[in-house]
C-alpha atoms as a PDB file:
ATOM      1  CA  MET A   1      67.938  48.626 -81.144  1.00  0.00           C
ATOM      2  CA  ASN A   2      66.235  48.611 -84.562  1.00  0.00           C
ATOM      3  CA  SER A   3      64.405  45.586 -85.949  1.00  0.00           C
ATOM      4  CA  ARG A   4      67.159  44.616 -88.391  1.00  0.00           C
ATOM      5  CA  LYS A   5      69.901  44.537 -85.767  1.00  0.00           C
ATOM      6  CA  LYS A   6      67.616  42.651 -83.407  1.00  0.00           C
ATOM      7  CA  GLU A   7      66.889  40.028 -86.065  1.00  0.00           C
ATOM      8  CA  ILE A   8      70.574  39.664 -86.973  1.00  0.00           C
ATOM      9  CA  MET A   9      71.394  39.165 -83.291  1.00  0.00           C
ATOM     10  CA  LYS A  10      68.708  36.494 -83.001  1.00  0.00           C
ATOM     11  CA  TYR A  11      70.190  34.574 -85.910  1.00  0.00           C
ATOM     12  CA  GLY A  12      73.637  35.034 -84.397  1.00  0.00           C
ATOM     13  CA  LYS A  13      72.383  33.528 -81.136  1.00  0.00           C
ATOM     14  CA  LEU A  14      70.731  30.687 -83.064  1.00  0.00           C
ATOM     15  CA  ILE A  15      73.959  29.755 -84.892  1.00  0.00           C
ATOM     16  CA  SER A  16      75.967  30.196 -81.685  1.00  0.00           C
ATOM     17  CA  GLY A  17      73.594  27.819 -79.917  1.00  0.00           C
ATOM     18  CA  MET A  18      74.045  25.215 -82.646  1.00  0.00           C
ATOM     19  CA  PHE A  19      77.827  25.484 -82.412  1.00  0.00           C
ATOM     20  CA  MET A  20      77.641  25.206 -78.621  1.00  0.00           C
ATOM     21  CA  CYS A  21      75.593  22.012 -78.926  1.00  0.00           C
ATOM     22  CA  ALA A  22      78.111  20.518 -81.358  1.00  0.00           C
ATOM     23  CA  PHE A  23      81.070  21.645 -79.246  1.00  0.00           C
ATOM     24  CA  GLY A  24      79.448  20.214 -76.119  1.00  0.00           C
ATOM     25  CA  CYS A  25      78.917  16.875 -77.859  1.00  0.00           C
ATOM     26  CA  ILE A  26      82.570  16.716 -78.914  1.00  0.00           C
ATOM     27  CA  LEU A  27      83.811  17.681 -75.441  1.00  0.00           C
ATOM     28  CA  ILE A  28      81.754  14.824 -74.020  1.00  0.00           C
ATOM     29  CA  LEU A  29      83.188  12.552 -76.705  1.00  0.00           C
ATOM     30  CA  LYS A  30      86.773  13.655 -75.936  1.00  0.00           C
ATOM     31  CA  SER A  31      86.273  13.055 -72.206  1.00  0.00           C
ATOM     32  CA  ASP A  32      86.218   9.369 -73.115  1.00  0.00           C
ATOM     33  CA  LEU A  33      83.806   8.661 -70.277  1.00  0.00           C
ATOM     34  CA  GLY A  34      81.013   7.727 -72.637  1.00  0.00           C
ATOM     35  CA  LEU A  35      79.336   9.572 -75.483  1.00  0.00           C
ATOM     36  CA  SER A  36      76.397  11.926 -75.021  1.00  0.00           C
ATOM     37  CA  PRO A  37      73.097   9.993 -75.197  1.00  0.00           C
ATOM     38  CA  TRP A  38      72.155  11.082 -78.719  1.00  0.00           C
ATOM     39  CA  ASP A  39      75.694  10.489 -79.919  1.00  0.00           C
ATOM     40  CA  VAL A  40      75.537   6.918 -78.628  1.00  0.00           C
ATOM     41  CA  LEU A  41      72.611   6.595 -81.011  1.00  0.00           C
ATOM     42  CA  HIS A  42      74.433   8.460 -83.795  1.00  0.00           C
ATOM     43  CA  GLN A  43      77.503   6.261 -83.349  1.00  0.00           C
ATOM     44  CA  GLY A  44      75.351   3.143 -83.306  1.00  0.00           C
ATOM     45  CA  ILE A  45      73.722   4.206 -86.566  1.00  0.00           C
ATOM     46  CA  SER A  46      77.150   5.162 -87.964  1.00  0.00           C
ATOM     47  CA  LYS A  47      78.557   1.699 -87.217  1.00  0.00           C
ATOM     48  CA  THR A  48      75.456  -0.061 -88.491  1.00  0.00           C
ATOM     49  CA  ILE A  49      75.206   1.596 -91.914  1.00  0.00           C
ATOM     50  CA  GLY A  50      78.753   2.981 -92.411  1.00  0.00           C
ATOM     51  CA  ILE A  51      78.370   6.783 -92.314  1.00  0.00           C
ATOM     52  CA  THR A  52      79.987   9.513 -90.164  1.00  0.00           C
ATOM     53  CA  ILE A  53      78.545  10.540 -86.811  1.00  0.00           C
ATOM     54  CA  GLY A  54      77.689  13.940 -88.292  1.00  0.00           C
ATOM     55  CA  GLN A  55      75.866  12.351 -91.221  1.00  0.00           C
ATOM     56  CA  ALA A  56      73.981  10.101 -88.813  1.00  0.00           C
ATOM     57  CA  SER A  57      72.980  13.170 -86.804  1.00  0.00           C
ATOM     58  CA  ILE A  58      71.643  14.881 -89.939  1.00  0.00           C
ATOM     59  CA  GLY A  59      69.784  11.788 -91.161  1.00  0.00           C
ATOM     60  CA  LEU A  60      68.181  11.122 -87.800  1.00  0.00           C
ATOM     61  CA  GLY A  61      67.271  14.795 -87.553  1.00  0.00           C
ATOM     62  CA  ILE A  62      65.324  14.555 -90.799  1.00  0.00           C
ATOM     63  CA  MET A  63      63.402  11.561 -89.471  1.00  0.00           C
ATOM     64  CA  ILE A  64      62.552  13.355 -86.230  1.00  0.00           C
ATOM     65  CA  VAL A  65      61.407  16.421 -88.186  1.00  0.00           C
ATOM     66  CA  ALA A  66      58.880  14.163 -89.925  1.00  0.00           C
ATOM     67  CA  VAL A  67      57.595  13.020 -86.518  1.00  0.00           C
ATOM     68  CA  ASP A  68      57.434  16.644 -85.300  1.00  0.00           C
ATOM     69  CA  ILE A  69      55.376  17.628 -88.346  1.00  0.00           C
ATOM     70  CA  PHE A  70      52.995  14.737 -87.721  1.00  0.00           C
ATOM     71  CA  LEU A  71      52.549  15.848 -84.106  1.00  0.00           C
ATOM     72  CA  GLY A  72      51.904  19.465 -85.125  1.00  0.00           C
ATOM     73  CA  GLN A  73      55.174  21.142 -84.107  1.00  0.00           C
ATOM     74  CA  PRO A  74      55.940  24.251 -86.242  1.00  0.00           C
ATOM     75  CA  ILE A  75      58.920  23.658 -88.538  1.00  0.00           C
ATOM     76  CA  GLY A  76      60.889  26.861 -89.016  1.00  0.00           C
ATOM     77  CA  LEU A  77      64.146  27.943 -90.598  1.00  0.00           C
ATOM     78  CA  GLY A  78      65.764  27.286 -87.227  1.00  0.00           C
ATOM     79  CA  THR A  79      64.692  23.657 -87.476  1.00  0.00           C
ATOM     80  CA  VAL A  80      66.313  23.225 -90.881  1.00  0.00           C
ATOM     81  CA  LEU A  81      69.490  25.049 -89.860  1.00  0.00           C
ATOM     82  CA  ASN A  82      69.676  22.971 -86.696  1.00  0.00           C
ATOM     83  CA  PHE A  83      69.689  19.502 -88.204  1.00  0.00           C
ATOM     84  CA  LEU A  84      72.084  20.601 -90.969  1.00  0.00           C
ATOM     85  CA  SER A  85      74.497  22.777 -88.988  1.00  0.00           C
ATOM     86  CA  ILE A  86      75.088  20.735 -85.843  1.00  0.00           C
ATOM     87  CA  GLY A  87      76.210  17.677 -87.792  1.00  0.00           C
ATOM     88  CA  ILE A  88      78.500  19.833 -89.951  1.00  0.00           C
ATOM     89  CA  PHE A  89      79.911  21.604 -86.895  1.00  0.00           C
ATOM     90  CA  MET A  90      80.592  18.247 -85.226  1.00  0.00           C
ATOM     91  CA  ASP A  91      82.500  16.934 -88.238  1.00  0.00           C
ATOM     92  CA  LEU A  92      84.419  20.237 -88.502  1.00  0.00           C
ATOM     93  CA  ILE A  93      85.457  20.206 -84.824  1.00  0.00           C
ATOM     94  CA  LEU A  94      86.569  16.581 -85.119  1.00  0.00           C
ATOM     95  CA  TYR A  95      88.507  17.378 -88.308  1.00  0.00           C
ATOM     96  CA  LEU A  96      90.292  20.405 -86.785  1.00  0.00           C
ATOM     97  CA  ASP A  97      91.130  18.300 -83.701  1.00  0.00           C
ATOM     98  CA  PHE A  98      91.963  21.300 -81.490  1.00  0.00           C
ATOM     99  CA  ILE A  99      90.712  19.857 -78.189  1.00  0.00           C
ATOM    100  CA  PRO A 100      93.617  18.400 -76.155  1.00  0.00           C
ATOM    101  CA  VAL A 101      93.252  14.804 -74.995  1.00  0.00           C
ATOM    102  CA  GLU A 102      94.802  13.773 -71.687  1.00  0.00           C
ATOM    103  CA  GLN A 103      94.638  10.678 -69.515  1.00  0.00           C
ATOM    104  CA  SER A 104      94.042  12.641 -66.289  1.00  0.00           C
ATOM    105  CA  ILE A 105      90.673  11.633 -64.865  1.00  0.00           C
ATOM    106  CA  ILE A 106      90.211  15.120 -63.401  1.00  0.00           C
ATOM    107  CA  TYR A 107      90.721  16.680 -66.840  1.00  0.00           C
ATOM    108  CA  ARG A 108      88.314  14.204 -68.432  1.00  0.00           C
ATOM    109  CA  ILE A 109      85.643  14.866 -65.801  1.00  0.00           C
ATOM    110  CA  LEU A 110      86.112  18.602 -66.422  1.00  0.00           C
ATOM    111  CA  LEU A 111      85.609  18.056 -70.166  1.00  0.00           C
ATOM    112  CA  LEU A 112      82.415  16.143 -69.421  1.00  0.00           C
ATOM    113  CA  ILE A 113      80.998  18.821 -67.116  1.00  0.00           C
ATOM    114  CA  VAL A 114      81.875  21.670 -69.496  1.00  0.00           C
ATOM    115  CA  GLY A 115      80.463  19.650 -72.399  1.00  0.00           C
ATOM    116  CA  ILE A 116      77.143  19.176 -70.602  1.00  0.00           C
ATOM    117  CA  PHE A 117      76.955  22.912 -69.903  1.00  0.00           C
ATOM    118  CA  PHE A 118      77.655  23.852 -73.530  1.00  0.00           C
ATOM    119  CA  TYR A 119      75.141  21.302 -74.776  1.00  0.00           C
ATOM    120  CA  ALA A 120      72.402  22.481 -72.395  1.00  0.00           C
ATOM    121  CA  TYR A 121      72.960  26.194 -72.947  1.00  0.00           C
ATOM    122  CA  GLY A 122      73.199  25.723 -76.703  1.00  0.00           C
ATOM    123  CA  THR A 123      69.884  23.870 -76.626  1.00  0.00           C
ATOM    124  CA  PHE A 124      68.335  26.730 -74.668  1.00  0.00           C
ATOM    125  CA  LEU A 125      69.617  29.341 -77.136  1.00  0.00           C
ATOM    126  CA  ASN A 126      68.182  27.380 -80.048  1.00  0.00           C
ATOM    127  CA  MET A 127      64.773  27.003 -78.457  1.00  0.00           C
ATOM    128  CA  VAL A 128      64.112  30.574 -77.337  1.00  0.00           C
ATOM    129  CA  GLN A 129      64.698  32.408 -80.652  1.00  0.00           C
ATOM    130  CA  GLY A 130      61.202  31.587 -81.949  1.00  0.00           C
ATOM    131  CA  MET A 131      62.369  30.399 -85.374  1.00  0.00           C
ATOM    132  CA  GLY A 132      61.526  26.740 -84.917  1.00  0.00           C
ATOM    133  CA  CYS A 133      63.095  24.228 -82.552  1.00  0.00           C
ATOM    134  CA  GLY A 134      65.704  21.739 -83.632  1.00  0.00           C
ATOM    135  CA  PRO A 135      64.194  18.314 -84.407  1.00  0.00           C
ATOM    136  CA  ARG A 136      64.981  16.821 -80.998  1.00  0.00           C
ATOM    137  CA  ASP A 137      64.121  20.018 -79.136  1.00  0.00           C
ATOM    138  CA  GLY A 138      60.800  20.281 -80.950  1.00  0.00           C
ATOM    139  CA  PHE A 139      60.018  16.749 -79.839  1.00  0.00           C
ATOM    140  CA  LEU A 140      60.951  17.776 -76.289  1.00  0.00           C
ATOM    141  CA  GLN A 141      58.582  20.751 -76.424  1.00  0.00           C
ATOM    142  CA  ILE A 142      55.723  18.648 -77.802  1.00  0.00           C
ATOM    143  CA  LEU A 143      56.058  16.031 -75.049  1.00  0.00           C
ATOM    144  CA  THR A 144      56.401  18.699 -72.347  1.00  0.00           C
ATOM    145  CA  LYS A 145      53.178  20.379 -73.519  1.00  0.00           C
ATOM    146  CA  ARG A 146      51.182  17.176 -73.929  1.00  0.00           C
ATOM    147  CA  THR A 147      52.275  15.372 -70.784  1.00  0.00           C
ATOM    148  CA  ASN A 148      52.443  18.406 -68.473  1.00  0.00           C
ATOM    149  CA  ILE A 149      55.614  16.875 -67.008  1.00  0.00           C
ATOM    150  CA  SER A 150      58.580  19.123 -66.207  1.00  0.00           C
ATOM    151  CA  VAL A 151      61.027  19.862 -69.008  1.00  0.00           C
ATOM    152  CA  GLY A 152      63.869  18.303 -66.999  1.00  0.00           C
ATOM    153  CA  MET A 153      62.074  14.999 -66.514  1.00  0.00           C
ATOM    154  CA  VAL A 154      60.959  14.785 -70.157  1.00  0.00           C
ATOM    155  CA  LYS A 155      64.494  15.607 -71.321  1.00  0.00           C
ATOM    156  CA  ASN A 156      65.942  12.894 -69.089  1.00  0.00           C
ATOM    157  CA  CYS A 157      63.490  10.270 -70.401  1.00  0.00           C
ATOM    158  CA  ILE A 158      64.260  11.151 -74.034  1.00  0.00           C
ATOM    159  CA  GLU A 159      68.021  10.977 -73.420  1.00  0.00           C
ATOM    160  CA  VAL A 160      67.768   7.574 -71.708  1.00  0.00           C
ATOM    161  CA  PHE A 161      65.685   6.223 -74.585  1.00  0.00           C
ATOM    162  CA  ALA A 162      68.203   7.563 -77.142  1.00  0.00           C
ATOM    163  CA  PHE A 163      71.279   5.996 -75.554  1.00  0.00           C
ATOM    164  CA  SER A 164      69.472   2.710 -74.946  1.00  0.00           C
ATOM    165  CA  ILE A 165      68.700   2.279 -78.664  1.00  0.00           C
ATOM    166  CA  GLY A 166      72.188   3.481 -79.574  1.00  0.00           C
ATOM    167  CA  TRP A 167      73.805   0.959 -77.217  1.00  0.00           C
ATOM    168  CA  ILE A 168      71.790  -1.859 -78.803  1.00  0.00           C
ATOM    169  CA  LEU A 169      73.133  -0.727 -82.212  1.00  0.00           C
ATOM    170  CA  GLY A 170      76.736  -0.752 -80.974  1.00  0.00           C
ATOM    171  CA  GLY A 171      77.261   2.800 -79.698  1.00  0.00           C
ATOM    172  CA  LYS A 172      79.772   3.395 -76.898  1.00  0.00           C
ATOM    173  CA  LEU A 173      78.058   3.636 -73.525  1.00  0.00           C
ATOM    174  CA  GLY A 174      79.860   4.774 -70.386  1.00  0.00           C
ATOM    175  CA  VAL A 175      79.351   6.419 -67.030  1.00  0.00           C
ATOM    176  CA  GLY A 176      79.594   9.791 -68.782  1.00  0.00           C
ATOM    177  CA  THR A 177      76.558   8.859 -70.872  1.00  0.00           C
ATOM    178  CA  ILE A 178      74.472   8.336 -67.742  1.00  0.00           C
ATOM    179  CA  VAL A 179      75.785  11.548 -66.183  1.00  0.00           C
ATOM    180  CA  THR A 180      75.008  13.435 -69.393  1.00  0.00           C
ATOM    181  CA  ALA A 181      71.494  11.977 -69.681  1.00  0.00           C
ATOM    182  CA  LEU A 182      70.678  13.199 -66.173  1.00  0.00           C
ATOM    183  CA  GLY A 183      72.799  16.359 -66.248  1.00  0.00           C
ATOM    184  CA  LEU A 184      71.272  17.724 -69.449  1.00  0.00           C
ATOM    185  CA  GLY A 185      67.730  17.543 -68.119  1.00  0.00           C
ATOM    186  CA  ILE A 186      68.670  19.128 -64.803  1.00  0.00           C
ATOM    187  CA  SER A 187      70.804  21.833 -66.451  1.00  0.00           C
ATOM    188  CA  LEU A 188      68.197  22.702 -69.076  1.00  0.00           C
ATOM    189  CA  ALA A 189      65.435  22.945 -66.478  1.00  0.00           C
ATOM    190  CA  TYR A 190      67.643  25.217 -64.339  1.00  0.00           C
ATOM    191  CA  ILE A 191      68.508  27.478 -67.301  1.00  0.00           C
ATOM    192  CA  PHE A 192      64.831  27.919 -68.228  1.00  0.00           C
ATOM    193  CA  LYS A 193      64.032  28.658 -64.589  1.00  0.00           C
ATOM    194  CA  PHE A 194      66.957  31.099 -64.293  1.00  0.00           C
ATOM    195  CA  TYR A 195      65.660  33.119 -67.258  1.00  0.00           C
ATOM    196  CA  ASP A 196      62.044  32.690 -66.057  1.00  0.00           C
ATOM    197  CA  ILE A 197      60.912  31.181 -69.377  1.00  0.00           C
ATOM    198  CA  ASP A 198      58.170  28.564 -69.608  1.00  0.00           C
ATOM    199  CA  LEU A 199      58.927  26.063 -72.381  1.00  0.00           C
ATOM    200  CA  LYS A 200      55.221  25.333 -72.820  1.00  0.00           C
ATOM    201  CA  GLU A 201      54.575  28.998 -73.691  1.00  0.00           C
ATOM    202  CA  LEU A 202      57.280  29.356 -76.347  1.00  0.00           C
ATOM    203  CA  LYS A 203      55.898  30.195 -79.795  1.00  0.00           C
ATOM    204  CA  HIS A 204      57.692  29.456 -83.055  1.00  0.00           C
ATOM    205  CA  ARG A 205      57.256  30.785 -86.575  1.00  0.00           C
ATOM    206  CA  ASN A 206      57.080  28.210 -89.348  1.00  0.00           C
ATOM    207  CA  ILE A 207      59.151  28.646 -92.527  1.00  0.00           C
ATOM    208  CA  LYS A 208      56.447  30.598 -94.381  1.00  0.00           C
ATOM    209  CA  GLU A 209      55.863  32.920 -91.419  1.00  0.00           C
ATOM    210  CA  GLU A 210      59.621  33.427 -91.049  1.00  0.00           C
ATOM    211  CA  VAL A 211      60.029  34.417 -94.695  1.00  0.00           C
ATOM    212  CA  VAL A 212      57.142  36.919 -94.408  1.00  0.00           C
ATOM    213  CA  HIS A 213      58.646  38.267 -91.184  1.00  0.00           C
ATOM    214  CA  LEU A 214      62.122  38.704 -92.735  1.00  0.00           C
ATOM    215  CA  LYS A 215      60.643  40.529 -95.742  1.00  0.00           C
ATOM    216  CA  LYS A 216      58.933  42.995 -93.412  1.00  0.00           C
ATOM    217  CA  VAL A 217      62.115  43.557 -91.398  1.00  0.00           C
ATOM    218  CA  PHE A 218      64.687  43.822 -94.195  1.00  0.00           C
ATOM    219  CA  PHE A 219      62.724  45.031 -97.214  1.00  0.00           C
END
C-alpha cells in the first residue's frame, strides 16, 4: 500500500471512530437507562445555559483542549476534528431519528451494551491514528502517563467525575450511566490489550507536524 492510500485510510478510520463515538452516545441515550457519563455533563451544561447537547460537547471540548495544551499534550488535526465532528454527528443522528425506541427492557439493555462497545471502539480508533487525541482522550493519555495507573482505571475515574458534575448541573443520571462509566474503562483497556498497544507509548503529531507530513505524502 502506498503512502497516500495509507494516509487516506488513517483519516477514514479517524472519522469512522468519531462517528462510532457519537453513535454510541446516542444509543446509550436511546436506551433510556441513563446517559453516558460525559453526556450527563453535556446535558447538565445544556440545561444550565440553554444550548444543544452537541453544542455543549463542542464547547466543553474546547475547554479541555486548553487544559491539554497546558499539560503538554500534542494538539493535532485529529484533536480539532474530534471536538467539532462528534458534536455535529450527535446532533445529526438525533435529527435523523433512525434508531427505534421500544419499551422492552431487553432491547434497552442491548442498546446500552452496543452503545458502550461503539463508544469504546470509536475512542480506540481515534487514539491510535497518531494525529492528536480528542480533547477527553488526550486528557486520558496524560493522566495515564503521569500516574502510571492502568488506562481502564483512569478512564473509569474520569467518567465518574464527569457524570457527578453533570448530575449536579441537572443531567439525567441512571443505572446505565454507572454501567457505562465502568464498562467504558474495562472495554477500552481490553481493546488496547487485544491489539497489544500501550497507550503510554502512543505518539501524536501536532498540527504543524501533520501539515508538513501531509505535504510530503501528497505533494
